[in-house]
């Protein structure tokens, strides 16, 4: 009776005894998306289309890190990469706003006071120095705006690099590709030194190594140590 019951159960619920299909690894796709995306970011130096290529490349890298995060079961890989991306976007928005403010400061400094509402002849000293009275030819406003640009870029890059380091360290740990940790360190050092020319060079080297790191991803998840 026991054998009969087991046989009947296997007939009624045959799917319970069937092995589950093995899901294909997402790491090969992550390798392609990450490598190609890094190359596109590197092409940001091209005129006219460089910015668009860089945006597409960053999206590809996020997709790659999402695949890796799902494959190894580590949510913080994608989460901190997304934080890094958002910090970079915020920095770009601040950069655009400050540049616009700088241009407006220069424009206001070069426009005679009579052309600005509320600043007619009765609102300024009658000494014929209208432009200097407003903004000293826009120099002070321009200098302050440019200082704001440097600070905004610097802070956003450092924050973005710190978030990315957390993500890349996790990738290096789970996939055994230590080059990701090296790339993360280079990005942080480059972000801190971005106010000097050497910082840009360090970031450029890190980007090249990032291409190598993504193309070094194994086809399947390594066994846990």
Protein backbone atom coordinates (compact mmCIF):
# COMPACT_ATOMS: atom_id res chain seq x y z
CA UNK A 1 0.00 0.00 0.00
CA UNK A 2 2.89 2.33 0.77
CA UNK A 3 4.47 1.72 -2.65
CA UNK A 4 1.14 2.21 -4.34
CA UNK A 5 0.58 5.52 -2.55
CA UNK A 6 4.01 6.77 -3.61
CA UNK A 7 3.36 5.72 -7.20
CA UNK A 8 -0.02 7.50 -7.20
CA UNK A 9 1.55 10.66 -5.76
CA UNK A 10 4.17 10.68 -8.49
CA UNK A 11 1.43 10.37 -11.10
CA UNK A 12 -0.70 13.14 -9.59
CA UNK A 13 2.21 15.52 -8.95
CA UNK A 14 4.80 14.59 -11.56
CA UNK A 15 6.31 18.08 -11.54
CA UNK A 16 7.39 17.62 -7.91
CA UNK A 17 9.85 14.88 -8.92
CA UNK A 18 11.19 16.65 -12.00
CA UNK A 19 14.45 18.60 -11.66
CA UNK A 20 14.19 22.33 -12.11
CA UNK A 21 15.75 23.72 -15.28
CA UNK A 22 19.10 25.40 -14.79
CA UNK A 23 18.93 29.11 -15.45
CA UNK A 24 21.63 30.38 -17.81
CA UNK A 25 24.28 32.57 -16.25
CA UNK A 26 23.93 36.32 -16.74
CA UNK A 27 27.66 36.90 -16.40
CA UNK A 28 28.44 36.62 -20.15
CA UNK A 29 25.91 39.37 -20.82
CA UNK A 30 27.33 41.43 -17.96
CA UNK A 31 30.79 41.06 -19.50
CA UNK A 32 29.62 42.42 -22.85
CA UNK A 33 27.49 45.23 -21.44
CA UNK A 34 30.16 46.33 -18.99
CA UNK A 35 33.04 46.16 -21.45
CA UNK A 36 31.22 47.92 -24.28
CA UNK A 37 29.77 50.47 -21.87
CA UNK A 38 33.22 51.31 -20.53
CA UNK A 39 34.52 51.79 -24.06
CA UNK A 40 31.65 54.16 -24.83
CA UNK A 41 32.41 56.17 -21.69
CA UNK A 42 36.03 56.38 -22.84
CA UNK A 43 34.79 57.90 -26.11
CA UNK A 44 33.34 60.84 -24.19
CA UNK A 45 36.37 62.84 -25.34
CA UNK A 46 34.98 62.89 -28.88
CA UNK A 47 33.42 66.19 -29.94
CA UNK A 48 29.67 66.54 -30.53
CA UNK A 49 28.70 62.89 -29.87
CA UNK A 50 30.97 62.16 -26.92
CA UNK A 51 28.42 63.16 -24.28
CA UNK A 52 25.70 60.96 -25.79
CA UNK A 53 28.07 57.99 -26.04
CA UNK A 54 29.09 58.46 -22.41
CA UNK A 55 25.45 58.42 -21.23
CA UNK A 56 24.76 55.24 -23.21
CA UNK A 57 27.92 53.71 -21.79
CA UNK A 58 26.92 54.49 -18.21
CA UNK A 59 23.52 52.87 -18.76
CA UNK A 60 25.24 49.76 -20.15
CA UNK A 61 27.50 49.60 -17.09
CA UNK A 62 24.48 49.83 -14.78
CA UNK A 63 22.83 46.98 -16.68
CA UNK A 64 25.99 44.91 -16.32
CA UNK A 65 26.19 45.52 -12.59
CA UNK A 66 22.49 44.65 -12.25
CA UNK A 67 23.14 41.31 -13.94
CA UNK A 68 26.11 40.67 -11.66
CA UNK A 69 24.10 41.66 -8.60
CA UNK A 70 21.33 39.22 -9.50
CA UNK A 71 23.74 36.43 -10.40
CA UNK A 72 25.72 36.50 -7.15
CA UNK A 73 22.77 37.47 -4.95
CA UNK A 74 24.35 40.68 -3.65
CA UNK A 75 21.91 43.63 -3.92
CA UNK A 76 24.42 46.27 -2.85
CA UNK A 77 26.42 45.81 -6.06
CA UNK A 78 23.68 47.43 -8.12
CA UNK A 79 22.34 49.65 -5.35
CA UNK A 80 25.62 51.44 -4.68
CA UNK A 81 26.37 51.67 -8.38
CA UNK A 82 23.02 53.41 -8.80
CA UNK A 83 23.89 55.77 -5.93
CA UNK A 84 27.14 56.56 -7.71
CA UNK A 85 25.30 57.28 -10.94
CA UNK A 86 22.80 59.56 -9.18
CA UNK A 87 25.61 61.48 -7.46
CA UNK A 88 27.23 62.02 -10.84
CA UNK A 89 23.95 63.25 -12.32
CA UNK A 90 23.43 65.67 -9.43
CA UNK A 91 26.94 67.00 -9.96
CA UNK A 92 26.25 67.48 -13.65
CA UNK A 93 23.04 69.37 -12.91
CA UNK A 94 24.85 71.61 -10.44
CA UNK A 95 27.57 72.16 -13.00
CA UNK A 96 25.05 73.24 -15.63
CA UNK A 97 23.31 75.57 -13.17
CA UNK A 98 26.53 77.24 -12.06
CA UNK A 99 27.78 77.63 -15.63
CA UNK A 100 24.47 79.27 -16.53
CA UNK A 101 24.84 81.57 -13.54
CA UNK A 102 28.36 82.45 -14.65
CA UNK A 103 27.19 83.34 -18.14
CA UNK A 104 24.39 85.47 -16.72
CA UNK A 105 26.86 87.24 -14.44
CA UNK A 106 29.08 88.09 -17.38
CA UNK A 107 26.10 89.23 -19.44
CA UNK A 108 24.77 91.47 -16.67
CA UNK A 109 28.20 92.92 -16.15
CA UNK A 110 28.44 93.90 -19.80
CA UNK A 111 24.94 95.41 -20.16
CA UNK A 112 24.53 99.11 -19.39
CA UNK A 113 22.38 99.76 -16.34
CA UNK A 114 19.78 101.65 -18.38
CA UNK A 115 18.83 98.37 -20.09
CA UNK A 116 18.08 96.58 -16.80
CA UNK A 117 14.64 97.18 -15.24
CA UNK A 118 14.88 99.03 -11.95
CA UNK A 119 18.40 100.26 -12.60
CA UNK A 120 17.75 103.46 -14.54
CA UNK A 121 19.69 106.70 -14.21
CA UNK A 122 18.05 107.50 -10.87
CA UNK A 123 19.09 104.17 -9.35
CA UNK A 124 22.85 104.56 -9.86
CA UNK A 125 25.41 107.17 -9.01
CA UNK A 126 25.72 109.83 -11.75
CA UNK A 127 29.39 109.11 -12.31
CA UNK A 128 29.16 107.32 -15.63
CA UNK A 129 30.46 104.04 -14.15
CA UNK A 130 27.27 102.02 -14.49
CA UNK A 131 28.90 98.76 -15.52
CA UNK A 132 31.45 98.77 -12.71
CA UNK A 133 28.71 99.65 -10.22
CA UNK A 134 26.71 96.54 -11.14
CA UNK A 135 29.29 93.74 -11.18
CA UNK A 136 32.67 95.27 -12.00
CA UNK A 137 32.32 93.97 -15.56
CA UNK A 138 31.02 90.65 -14.26
CA UNK A 139 34.44 89.53 -13.04
CA UNK A 140 33.48 89.02 -9.40
CA UNK A 141 30.33 87.08 -10.26
CA UNK A 142 32.16 85.00 -12.82
CA UNK A 143 34.97 84.13 -10.37
CA UNK A 144 32.52 83.09 -7.65
CA UNK A 145 30.52 81.00 -10.12
CA UNK A 146 33.63 79.22 -11.37
CA UNK A 147 34.66 78.45 -7.80
CA UNK A 148 31.23 76.95 -7.27
CA UNK A 149 31.70 74.83 -10.40
CA UNK A 150 34.97 73.40 -9.11
CA UNK A 151 33.55 72.63 -5.68
CA UNK A 152 30.38 71.03 -7.10
CA UNK A 153 32.32 68.83 -9.51
CA UNK A 154 34.89 67.88 -6.89
CA UNK A 155 32.40 66.90 -4.19
CA UNK A 156 30.09 65.01 -6.55
CA UNK A 157 33.00 63.06 -8.05
CA UNK A 158 34.31 62.05 -4.64
CA UNK A 159 30.87 60.92 -3.43
CA UNK A 160 30.27 59.06 -6.68
CA UNK A 161 33.66 57.33 -6.44
CA UNK A 162 33.03 56.25 -2.84
CA UNK A 163 29.72 54.64 -3.76
CA UNK A 164 31.28 52.96 -6.78
CA UNK A 165 34.12 51.60 -4.63
CA UNK A 166 31.61 49.77 -2.43
CA UNK A 167 29.98 48.25 -5.51
CA UNK A 168 33.24 47.26 -7.22
CA UNK A 169 34.73 45.77 -4.05
CA UNK A 170 31.70 43.48 -3.83
CA UNK A 171 32.10 42.51 -7.49
CA UNK A 172 35.77 41.68 -6.91
CA UNK A 173 34.88 39.59 -3.87
CA UNK A 174 32.14 37.52 -5.51
CA UNK A 175 33.68 37.08 -8.98
CA UNK A 176 37.34 36.87 -8.02
CA UNK A 177 38.34 39.71 -10.35
CA UNK A 178 40.57 41.82 -8.13
CA UNK A 179 41.05 44.39 -10.86
CA UNK A 180 37.68 45.90 -9.92
CA UNK A 181 39.08 46.88 -6.51
CA UNK A 182 42.07 48.49 -8.21
CA UNK A 183 39.76 50.47 -10.50
CA UNK A 184 37.75 51.67 -7.49
CA UNK A 185 40.89 52.93 -5.73
CA UNK A 186 42.05 54.75 -8.86
CA UNK A 187 38.67 56.45 -9.20
CA UNK A 188 38.77 57.73 -5.61
CA UNK A 189 42.36 58.97 -5.90
CA UNK A 190 41.56 60.57 -9.24
CA UNK A 191 38.45 62.25 -7.85
CA UNK A 192 40.39 63.71 -4.92
CA UNK A 193 43.14 64.97 -7.24
CA UNK A 194 40.77 66.17 -9.97
CA UNK A 195 41.68 69.75 -9.10
CA UNK A 196 45.10 68.91 -10.51
CA UNK A 197 45.78 67.59 -14.00
CA UNK A 198 47.09 64.31 -12.61
CA UNK A 199 43.61 63.47 -11.31
CA UNK A 200 42.21 63.34 -14.84
CA UNK A 201 45.06 61.06 -15.89
CA UNK A 202 44.42 58.69 -12.99
CA UNK A 203 40.70 58.49 -13.83
CA UNK A 204 41.59 57.81 -17.47
CA UNK A 205 43.86 54.93 -16.43
CA UNK A 206 41.12 53.60 -14.15
CA UNK A 207 38.66 53.65 -17.03
CA UNK A 208 41.01 51.64 -19.23
CA UNK A 209 41.50 49.08 -16.45
CA UNK A 210 37.73 48.97 -16.01
CA UNK A 211 37.39 47.78 -19.61
CA UNK A 212 39.88 44.99 -18.88
CA UNK A 213 38.10 44.13 -15.62
CA UNK A 214 34.70 43.68 -17.24
CA UNK A 215 36.10 41.54 -20.04
CA UNK A 216 37.84 39.42 -17.37
CA UNK A 217 34.54 38.38 -15.78
CA UNK A 218 34.18 34.57 -15.77
CA UNK A 219 31.41 32.84 -17.69
CA UNK A 220 29.87 31.47 -14.50
CA UNK A 221 29.93 32.32 -10.83
CA UNK A 222 33.04 30.96 -9.09
CA UNK A 223 32.43 28.55 -6.18
CA UNK A 224 32.27 30.19 -2.79
CA UNK A 225 35.51 29.85 -0.80
